[in-house]
């Protein structure tokens, strides 16, 4: 199950994904968001801006860290301790 909280003037959305199914579905959604906005699996964005065409709409769903990485504005909650979630596109997993 997922939901979004959006602030009015700043155009920032925080996605909240709950439960095993919510986390699994949201993982696929965030991969798609990254592909659509040209964000690499390591959070980097190409500096030439050819993919986004100068469009900064990705800032609605991503936050830029001090190191220049773009991370999802999202909270993933799953109380099942033994479920593995792929953490990156290389198939590595982490236990949430």
N, C-alpha and C. Protein backbone atom coordinates (compact mmCIF):
# COMPACT_ATOMS: atom_id res chain seq x y z
N UNK A 1 0.85 -1.16 0.00
CA UNK A 1 0.00 0.00 0.00
C UNK A 1 0.90 1.23 0.00
N UNK A 2 0.61 2.20 -0.80
CA UNK A 2 1.41 3.40 -0.86
C UNK A 2 0.55 4.64 -0.85
N UNK A 3 1.12 5.75 -0.41
CA UNK A 3 0.41 7.02 -0.45
C UNK A 3 1.42 8.13 -0.61
N UNK A 4 0.92 9.31 -0.97
CA UNK A 4 1.80 10.46 -1.16
C UNK A 4 1.30 11.63 -0.37
N UNK A 5 2.23 12.35 0.24
CA UNK A 5 1.94 13.60 0.91
C UNK A 5 2.64 14.69 0.12
N UNK A 6 1.92 15.66 -0.39
CA UNK A 6 2.51 16.73 -1.20
C UNK A 6 2.27 18.07 -0.54
N UNK A 7 3.34 18.87 -0.48
CA UNK A 7 3.18 20.22 0.05
C UNK A 7 2.70 21.12 -1.08
N UNK A 8 1.99 22.17 -0.73
CA UNK A 8 1.37 23.02 -1.73
C UNK A 8 2.32 23.84 -2.56
N UNK A 9 3.15 24.66 -1.96
CA UNK A 9 3.93 25.63 -2.72
C UNK A 9 5.31 25.13 -3.12
N UNK A 10 5.87 24.19 -2.41
CA UNK A 10 7.23 23.78 -2.69
C UNK A 10 7.34 22.64 -3.70
N UNK A 11 6.21 22.04 -4.08
CA UNK A 11 6.21 20.94 -5.04
C UNK A 11 7.10 19.79 -4.60
N UNK A 12 6.99 19.38 -3.37
CA UNK A 12 7.73 18.23 -2.86
C UNK A 12 6.74 17.18 -2.41
N UNK A 13 6.94 15.95 -2.87
CA UNK A 13 6.08 14.84 -2.47
C UNK A 13 6.90 13.81 -1.71
N UNK A 14 6.32 13.29 -0.67
CA UNK A 14 6.93 12.20 0.09
C UNK A 14 6.03 10.98 -0.09
N UNK A 15 6.60 9.91 -0.59
CA UNK A 15 5.84 8.67 -0.78
C UNK A 15 6.04 7.78 0.44
N UNK A 16 4.96 7.20 0.91
CA UNK A 16 5.00 6.28 2.05
C UNK A 16 4.51 4.93 1.55
N UNK A 17 5.35 3.91 1.70
CA UNK A 17 5.03 2.57 1.21
C UNK A 17 5.04 1.62 2.39
N UNK A 18 3.92 0.92 2.60
CA UNK A 18 3.76 0.10 3.79
C UNK A 18 3.51 -1.35 3.41
N UNK A 19 4.16 -2.26 4.13
CA UNK A 19 3.94 -3.69 3.95
C UNK A 19 4.79 -4.26 2.83
N UNK A 20 4.85 -5.59 2.80
CA UNK A 20 5.67 -6.27 1.81
C UNK A 20 5.26 -5.90 0.39
N UNK A 21 3.98 -5.95 0.10
CA UNK A 21 3.52 -5.63 -1.25
C UNK A 21 3.77 -4.16 -1.59
N UNK A 22 3.55 -3.26 -0.64
CA UNK A 22 3.81 -1.84 -0.88
C UNK A 22 5.26 -1.57 -1.20
N UNK A 23 6.16 -2.24 -0.49
CA UNK A 23 7.59 -2.07 -0.72
C UNK A 23 7.98 -2.65 -2.08
N UNK A 24 7.44 -3.81 -2.42
CA UNK A 24 7.77 -4.43 -3.71
C UNK A 24 7.28 -3.57 -4.88
N UNK A 25 6.06 -3.10 -4.81
CA UNK A 25 5.52 -2.27 -5.89
C UNK A 25 6.27 -0.95 -5.99
N UNK A 26 6.54 -0.34 -4.85
CA UNK A 26 7.22 0.95 -4.86
C UNK A 26 8.64 0.83 -5.39
N UNK A 27 9.30 -0.30 -5.14
CA UNK A 27 10.64 -0.51 -5.66
C UNK A 27 10.62 -0.42 -7.19
N UNK A 28 9.63 -1.05 -7.81
CA UNK A 28 9.49 -0.99 -9.27
C UNK A 28 9.17 0.44 -9.73
N UNK A 29 8.32 1.13 -8.99
CA UNK A 29 7.97 2.51 -9.35
C UNK A 29 9.18 3.43 -9.28
N UNK A 30 9.99 3.31 -8.23
CA UNK A 30 11.15 4.18 -8.09
C UNK A 30 12.19 3.89 -9.16
N UNK A 31 12.32 2.62 -9.57
CA UNK A 31 13.22 2.31 -10.68
C UNK A 31 12.75 3.02 -11.94
N UNK A 32 11.45 3.02 -12.18
CA UNK A 32 10.88 3.70 -13.34
C UNK A 32 11.09 5.21 -13.26
N UNK A 33 10.86 5.80 -12.09
CA UNK A 33 11.10 7.24 -11.91
C UNK A 33 12.55 7.59 -12.25
N UNK A 34 13.48 6.75 -11.79
CA UNK A 34 14.90 7.00 -12.08
C UNK A 34 15.17 6.94 -13.58
N UNK A 35 14.62 5.93 -14.24
CA UNK A 35 14.80 5.83 -15.69
C UNK A 35 14.21 7.03 -16.41
N UNK A 36 13.02 7.44 -16.02
CA UNK A 36 12.35 8.57 -16.67
C UNK A 36 13.12 9.87 -16.53
N UNK A 37 13.80 10.05 -15.41
CA UNK A 37 14.49 11.31 -15.15
C UNK A 37 16.00 11.21 -15.32
N UNK A 38 16.49 10.07 -15.80
CA UNK A 38 17.91 9.92 -16.08
C UNK A 38 18.80 9.85 -14.86
N UNK A 39 18.26 9.39 -13.75
CA UNK A 39 19.05 9.27 -12.53
C UNK A 39 19.65 7.87 -12.48
N UNK A 40 20.97 7.82 -12.32
CA UNK A 40 21.70 6.56 -12.30
C UNK A 40 21.39 5.77 -11.02
N UNK A 41 21.65 4.44 -11.00
CA UNK A 41 21.41 3.65 -9.79
C UNK A 41 22.18 4.14 -8.56
N UNK A 42 23.31 4.83 -8.79
CA UNK A 42 24.08 5.35 -7.65
C UNK A 42 23.61 6.73 -7.21
N UNK A 43 22.53 7.23 -7.83
CA UNK A 43 21.97 8.52 -7.44
C UNK A 43 22.52 9.70 -8.23
N UNK A 44 23.48 9.46 -9.09
CA UNK A 44 24.06 10.54 -9.89
C UNK A 44 23.20 10.82 -11.10
N UNK A 45 23.25 12.06 -11.55
CA UNK A 45 22.52 12.47 -12.74
C UNK A 45 23.54 13.00 -13.74
N UNK A 46 23.42 12.61 -15.02
CA UNK A 46 24.38 13.12 -16.02
C UNK A 46 24.42 14.64 -16.00
N UNK A 47 25.60 15.20 -16.10
CA UNK A 47 25.76 16.65 -15.99
C UNK A 47 25.34 17.38 -17.26
N UNK A 48 25.24 16.67 -18.38
CA UNK A 48 24.89 17.37 -19.62
C UNK A 48 23.42 17.73 -19.72
N UNK A 49 22.57 17.20 -18.84
CA UNK A 49 21.14 17.51 -18.78
C UNK A 49 20.39 17.19 -20.07
N UNK A 50 20.97 16.35 -20.94
CA UNK A 50 20.27 16.04 -22.19
C UNK A 50 19.06 15.15 -21.94
N UNK A 51 19.10 14.34 -20.91
CA UNK A 51 17.98 13.43 -20.65
C UNK A 51 16.77 14.20 -20.16
N UNK A 52 16.97 15.07 -19.18
CA UNK A 52 15.84 15.82 -18.64
C UNK A 52 15.49 17.06 -19.45
N UNK A 53 16.36 17.46 -20.36
CA UNK A 53 16.09 18.64 -21.16
C UNK A 53 15.98 19.91 -20.34
N UNK A 54 16.68 19.99 -19.20
CA UNK A 54 16.61 21.17 -18.35
C UNK A 54 15.40 21.19 -17.44
N UNK A 55 14.57 20.19 -17.51
CA UNK A 55 13.37 20.09 -16.68
C UNK A 55 13.77 19.65 -15.28
N UNK A 56 13.37 20.40 -14.27
CA UNK A 56 13.73 20.04 -12.90
C UNK A 56 12.55 19.43 -12.15
N UNK A 57 11.59 18.88 -12.87
CA UNK A 57 10.41 18.30 -12.21
C UNK A 57 10.77 17.11 -11.33
N UNK A 58 11.93 16.50 -11.55
CA UNK A 58 12.35 15.37 -10.72
C UNK A 58 12.55 15.79 -9.27
N UNK A 59 12.76 17.08 -9.01
CA UNK A 59 12.94 17.55 -7.64
C UNK A 59 11.69 17.37 -6.79
N UNK A 60 10.55 17.15 -7.43
CA UNK A 60 9.32 16.88 -6.69
C UNK A 60 9.43 15.57 -5.93
N UNK A 61 10.07 14.58 -6.54
CA UNK A 61 10.14 13.24 -5.96
C UNK A 61 11.52 12.88 -5.42
N UNK A 62 12.55 13.64 -5.77
CA UNK A 62 13.91 13.34 -5.34
C UNK A 62 14.49 14.52 -4.58
N UNK A 63 15.36 14.21 -3.64
CA UNK A 63 16.08 15.22 -2.89
C UNK A 63 17.56 15.08 -3.23
N UNK A 64 18.25 16.20 -3.42
CA UNK A 64 19.67 16.15 -3.73
C UNK A 64 20.49 16.30 -2.46
N UNK A 65 21.42 15.37 -2.24
CA UNK A 65 22.27 15.42 -1.06
C UNK A 65 23.41 16.41 -1.28
N UNK A 66 24.17 16.68 -0.24
CA UNK A 66 25.32 17.56 -0.35
C UNK A 66 26.38 17.02 -1.30
N UNK A 67 26.40 15.69 -1.48
CA UNK A 67 27.37 15.06 -2.38
C UNK A 67 26.87 15.02 -3.82
N UNK A 68 25.69 15.60 -4.07
CA UNK A 68 25.17 15.64 -5.43
C UNK A 68 24.38 14.42 -5.86
N UNK A 69 24.08 13.53 -4.93
CA UNK A 69 23.28 12.35 -5.26
C UNK A 69 21.80 12.67 -5.08
N UNK A 70 20.98 12.05 -5.92
CA UNK A 70 19.54 12.23 -5.85
C UNK A 70 18.93 11.01 -5.19
N UNK A 71 18.21 11.22 -4.11
CA UNK A 71 17.59 10.12 -3.36
C UNK A 71 16.08 10.33 -3.33
N UNK A 72 15.32 9.23 -3.35
CA UNK A 72 13.86 9.36 -3.32
C UNK A 72 13.36 10.00 -2.03
N UNK A 73 12.33 10.81 -2.15
CA UNK A 73 11.64 11.33 -0.97
C UNK A 73 10.60 10.28 -0.61
N UNK A 74 11.04 9.26 0.11
CA UNK A 74 10.15 8.12 0.36
C UNK A 74 10.46 7.48 1.71
N UNK A 75 9.42 6.86 2.26
CA UNK A 75 9.55 6.07 3.48
C UNK A 75 9.02 4.68 3.15
N UNK A 76 9.83 3.66 3.43
CA UNK A 76 9.43 2.27 3.22
C UNK A 76 9.28 1.61 4.58
N UNK A 77 8.10 1.05 4.85
CA UNK A 77 7.84 0.44 6.16
C UNK A 77 7.34 -0.98 5.94
N UNK A 78 8.07 -1.93 6.53
CA UNK A 78 7.63 -3.33 6.49
C UNK A 78 8.05 -3.96 7.81
N UNK A 79 7.11 -4.47 8.55
CA UNK A 79 7.40 -5.04 9.86
C UNK A 79 7.90 -6.47 9.80
N UNK A 80 7.87 -7.08 8.62
CA UNK A 80 8.38 -8.44 8.45
C UNK A 80 9.90 -8.37 8.39
N UNK A 81 10.57 -8.95 9.36
CA UNK A 81 12.02 -8.77 9.48
C UNK A 81 12.83 -9.63 8.51
N UNK A 82 12.25 -10.64 7.93
CA UNK A 82 13.04 -11.55 7.10
C UNK A 82 12.89 -11.37 5.61
N UNK A 83 12.39 -10.24 5.17
CA UNK A 83 12.15 -10.04 3.74
C UNK A 83 13.33 -9.30 3.11
N UNK A 84 13.88 -9.86 2.02
CA UNK A 84 14.99 -9.23 1.31
C UNK A 84 14.46 -8.35 0.20
N UNK A 85 15.02 -7.16 0.11
CA UNK A 85 14.66 -6.20 -0.93
C UNK A 85 15.91 -5.88 -1.73
N UNK A 86 15.84 -5.93 -3.07
CA UNK A 86 17.02 -5.53 -3.84
C UNK A 86 17.33 -4.06 -3.60
N UNK A 87 18.56 -3.77 -3.24
CA UNK A 87 18.94 -2.39 -2.93
C UNK A 87 19.50 -1.65 -4.13
N UNK A 88 19.90 -2.38 -5.14
CA UNK A 88 20.41 -1.69 -6.32
C UNK A 88 20.16 -2.53 -7.56
N UNK A 89 20.49 -1.98 -8.68
CA UNK A 89 20.21 -2.65 -9.94
C UNK A 89 21.13 -3.84 -10.20
N UNK A 90 22.15 -4.00 -9.38
CA UNK A 90 23.07 -5.12 -9.56
C UNK A 90 22.56 -6.39 -8.88
N UNK A 91 21.39 -6.32 -8.28
CA UNK A 91 20.79 -7.51 -7.67
C UNK A 91 21.21 -7.75 -6.24
N UNK A 92 22.03 -6.88 -5.68
CA UNK A 92 22.40 -7.03 -4.27
C UNK A 92 21.16 -6.76 -3.44
N UNK A 93 21.08 -7.40 -2.29
CA UNK A 93 19.89 -7.19 -1.48
C UNK A 93 20.26 -6.78 -0.07
N UNK A 94 19.30 -6.22 0.62
CA UNK A 94 19.48 -5.86 2.01
C UNK A 94 18.23 -6.28 2.76
N UNK A 95 18.37 -6.53 4.02
CA UNK A 95 17.22 -6.90 4.84
C UNK A 95 16.69 -5.63 5.48
N UNK A 96 15.42 -5.38 5.28
CA UNK A 96 14.79 -4.20 5.88
C UNK A 96 14.26 -4.55 7.24
